């Protein structure tokens, strides 16, 4: 299962980067409150789970603050996805089924690490779809970010013109 999880996170990083480039390219999209809210929520949830995986505290009040600029949001994605990739790369297959993750907002849920990692990717996929729809509403032709397209060459993410992040 670990090779699949690794591929899912590689795909997610590529897809998020393509989505963020499309937002940057569409006039007004990087200032659209609905789009920014969805993008911020998505990366905040990634950061929440990352904190759980690393047994680190999660400062919910600070994390709920929407970044002051689109480039700050892109930077949050880059940092978070790099940290998630490093975490997943350090796992063994046995970690996925043996370790359990406690989630405060769902006290009855005690998913395995593999289930929680899958949740992160599926949650992001849902919101990427919402963002693609919003881009269409704003007049853009959204990028194709289907996983089958990614699987043909398995490219890394293209974060575009942002430098030094």
Protein backbone atom coordinates (compact mmCIF):
# COMPACT_ATOMS: atom_id res chain seq x y z
CA UNK A 1 0.00 0.00 0.00
CA UNK A 2 2.90 2.37 0.64
CA UNK A 3 3.79 2.76 -3.06
CA UNK A 4 0.19 3.81 -3.74
CA UNK A 5 0.24 6.34 -0.87
CA UNK A 6 3.53 7.76 -2.16
CA UNK A 7 2.06 8.14 -5.64
CA UNK A 8 -1.09 9.77 -4.28
CA UNK A 9 0.95 12.42 -2.48
CA UNK A 10 3.15 13.00 -5.53
CA UNK A 11 0.02 13.40 -7.62
CA UNK A 12 -1.54 15.76 -5.08
CA UNK A 13 1.50 18.03 -5.09
CA UNK A 14 1.52 18.18 -8.90
CA UNK A 15 -2.23 18.81 -9.08
CA UNK A 16 -2.15 21.52 -6.42
CA UNK A 17 0.72 23.28 -8.18
CA UNK A 18 -1.15 23.19 -11.52
CA UNK A 19 -4.28 24.52 -9.85
CA UNK A 20 -2.41 27.35 -8.15
CA UNK A 21 -0.73 28.30 -11.45
CA UNK A 22 -4.15 28.46 -13.09
CA UNK A 23 -5.46 30.68 -10.31
CA UNK A 24 -2.46 32.99 -10.71
CA UNK A 25 -3.01 33.14 -14.50
CA UNK A 26 -6.73 34.01 -14.37
CA UNK A 27 -7.44 37.70 -13.89
CA UNK A 28 -9.06 38.31 -10.52
CA UNK A 29 -8.94 34.68 -9.38
CA UNK A 30 -6.14 35.23 -6.87
CA UNK A 31 -8.38 37.79 -5.13
CA UNK A 32 -11.61 35.77 -5.28
CA UNK A 33 -12.78 35.20 -1.71
CA UNK A 34 -14.60 31.93 -2.46
CA UNK A 35 -11.62 30.43 -4.28
CA UNK A 36 -9.10 31.63 -1.69
CA UNK A 37 -11.27 30.33 1.13
CA UNK A 38 -11.41 26.86 -0.41
CA UNK A 39 -7.68 26.81 -1.16
CA UNK A 40 -6.83 27.98 2.35
CA UNK A 41 -9.15 25.42 3.93
CA UNK A 42 -7.52 22.65 1.90
CA UNK A 43 -3.97 23.47 2.92
CA UNK A 44 -5.05 24.08 6.53
CA UNK A 45 -6.48 20.55 6.68
CA UNK A 46 -3.25 19.21 5.19
CA UNK A 47 -1.36 21.08 7.92
CA UNK A 48 -3.71 19.73 10.61
CA UNK A 49 -3.07 16.15 9.59
CA UNK A 50 0.65 16.76 9.20
CA UNK A 51 0.76 18.01 12.80
CA UNK A 52 -1.12 14.87 13.89
CA UNK A 53 1.29 12.63 11.96
CA UNK A 54 4.31 14.34 13.52
CA UNK A 55 2.76 14.51 17.01
CA UNK A 56 3.14 18.29 16.98
CA UNK A 57 0.71 20.90 18.27
CA UNK A 58 -1.68 22.55 15.82
CA UNK A 59 -2.41 26.22 16.50
CA UNK A 60 -5.95 26.28 15.13
CA UNK A 61 -6.51 30.00 15.79
CA UNK A 62 -3.38 30.99 13.86
CA UNK A 63 -3.96 28.41 11.13
CA UNK A 64 -7.50 29.66 10.47
CA UNK A 65 -6.20 33.10 9.47
CA UNK A 66 -6.31 33.37 5.70
CA UNK A 67 -2.88 34.42 4.35
CA UNK A 68 -2.62 38.10 3.45
CA UNK A 69 -1.56 37.38 -0.13
CA UNK A 70 -1.94 34.71 -2.76
CA UNK A 71 1.84 34.19 -2.81
CA UNK A 72 1.75 33.50 0.94
CA UNK A 73 -0.88 30.85 0.27
CA UNK A 74 1.28 29.30 -2.45
CA UNK A 75 4.18 29.29 -0.01
CA UNK A 76 2.03 27.48 2.57
CA UNK A 77 1.20 24.81 -0.02
CA UNK A 78 4.84 24.38 -0.98
CA UNK A 79 6.05 24.07 2.63
CA UNK A 80 3.22 21.78 3.67
CA UNK A 81 3.46 19.46 0.70
CA UNK A 82 7.24 19.22 1.01
CA UNK A 83 6.84 18.27 4.68
CA UNK A 84 4.12 15.73 3.86
CA UNK A 85 6.29 14.22 1.11
CA UNK A 86 9.23 13.92 3.50
CA UNK A 87 7.02 12.30 6.13
CA UNK A 88 5.50 9.78 3.71
CA UNK A 89 8.92 8.98 2.22
CA UNK A 90 10.15 7.98 5.68
CA UNK A 91 7.37 5.46 6.33
CA UNK A 92 7.46 1.69 6.26
CA UNK A 93 4.50 -0.33 4.99
CA UNK A 94 3.82 -1.60 8.51
CA UNK A 95 3.37 1.99 9.78
CA UNK A 96 0.24 2.38 7.66
CA UNK A 97 -1.82 -0.28 9.44
CA UNK A 98 -0.32 -0.32 12.93
CA UNK A 99 -0.31 3.33 13.92
CA UNK A 100 -3.61 5.00 14.88
CA UNK A 101 -4.36 8.72 14.65
CA UNK A 102 -6.59 10.44 17.21
CA UNK A 103 -8.74 13.21 15.74
CA UNK A 104 -10.30 15.62 18.26
CA UNK A 105 -13.26 16.72 16.13
CA UNK A 106 -14.23 13.11 15.43
CA UNK A 107 -13.69 11.46 18.80
CA UNK A 108 -15.20 8.17 17.63
CA UNK A 109 -12.74 7.98 14.75
CA UNK A 110 -9.38 6.36 15.33
CA UNK A 111 -8.13 5.79 11.77
CA UNK A 112 -4.96 3.99 10.90
CA UNK A 113 -2.15 6.11 9.53
CA UNK A 114 -2.90 4.70 6.07
CA UNK A 115 -6.56 5.71 6.36
CA UNK A 116 -5.63 9.20 7.58
CA UNK A 117 -3.14 9.69 4.74
CA UNK A 118 -5.81 8.60 2.26
CA UNK A 119 -8.23 11.09 3.83
CA UNK A 120 -5.77 13.93 3.25
CA UNK A 121 -5.53 13.15 -0.47
CA UNK A 122 -9.25 12.52 -0.97
CA UNK A 123 -10.18 15.68 0.93
CA UNK A 124 -7.84 17.67 -1.30
CA UNK A 125 -9.27 16.06 -4.44
CA UNK A 126 -12.78 17.12 -3.46
CA UNK A 127 -11.71 20.73 -3.00
CA UNK A 128 -9.59 20.80 -6.16
CA UNK A 129 -12.79 19.96 -8.03
CA UNK A 130 -14.59 22.86 -6.34
CA UNK A 131 -11.75 25.19 -7.28
CA UNK A 132 -11.78 24.05 -10.91
CA UNK A 133 -15.49 24.81 -11.06
CA UNK A 134 -14.95 28.24 -9.54
CA UNK A 135 -12.22 28.96 -12.09
CA UNK A 136 -14.72 28.14 -14.86
CA UNK A 137 -17.21 30.54 -13.28
CA UNK A 138 -14.49 33.22 -13.33
CA UNK A 139 -13.97 32.68 -17.07
CA UNK A 140 -10.90 30.43 -17.03
CA UNK A 141 -10.30 27.18 -18.83
CA UNK A 142 -9.10 25.10 -15.86
CA UNK A 143 -6.12 22.79 -16.23
CA UNK A 144 -6.60 19.06 -16.61
CA UNK A 145 -5.40 17.56 -13.34
CA UNK A 146 -6.69 14.01 -13.66
CA UNK A 147 -4.45 11.49 -11.96
CA UNK A 148 -4.30 9.41 -15.14
CA UNK A 149 -2.70 12.38 -16.91
CA UNK A 150 -0.14 12.68 -14.11
CA UNK A 151 0.55 8.93 -14.23
CA UNK A 152 1.70 9.09 -17.87
CA UNK A 153 4.90 10.88 -16.91
CA UNK A 154 4.69 11.36 -13.13
CA UNK A 155 6.02 14.95 -13.32
CA UNK A 156 6.98 16.89 -10.26
CA UNK A 157 5.13 20.06 -9.34
CA UNK A 158 5.65 23.25 -11.32
CA UNK A 159 5.23 26.10 -8.84
CA UNK A 160 5.70 28.74 -11.53
CA UNK A 161 7.33 32.11 -11.02
CA UNK A 162 7.35 32.17 -7.21
CA UNK A 163 10.95 32.33 -6.07
CA UNK A 164 12.75 31.66 -2.82
CA UNK A 165 10.00 29.65 -1.14
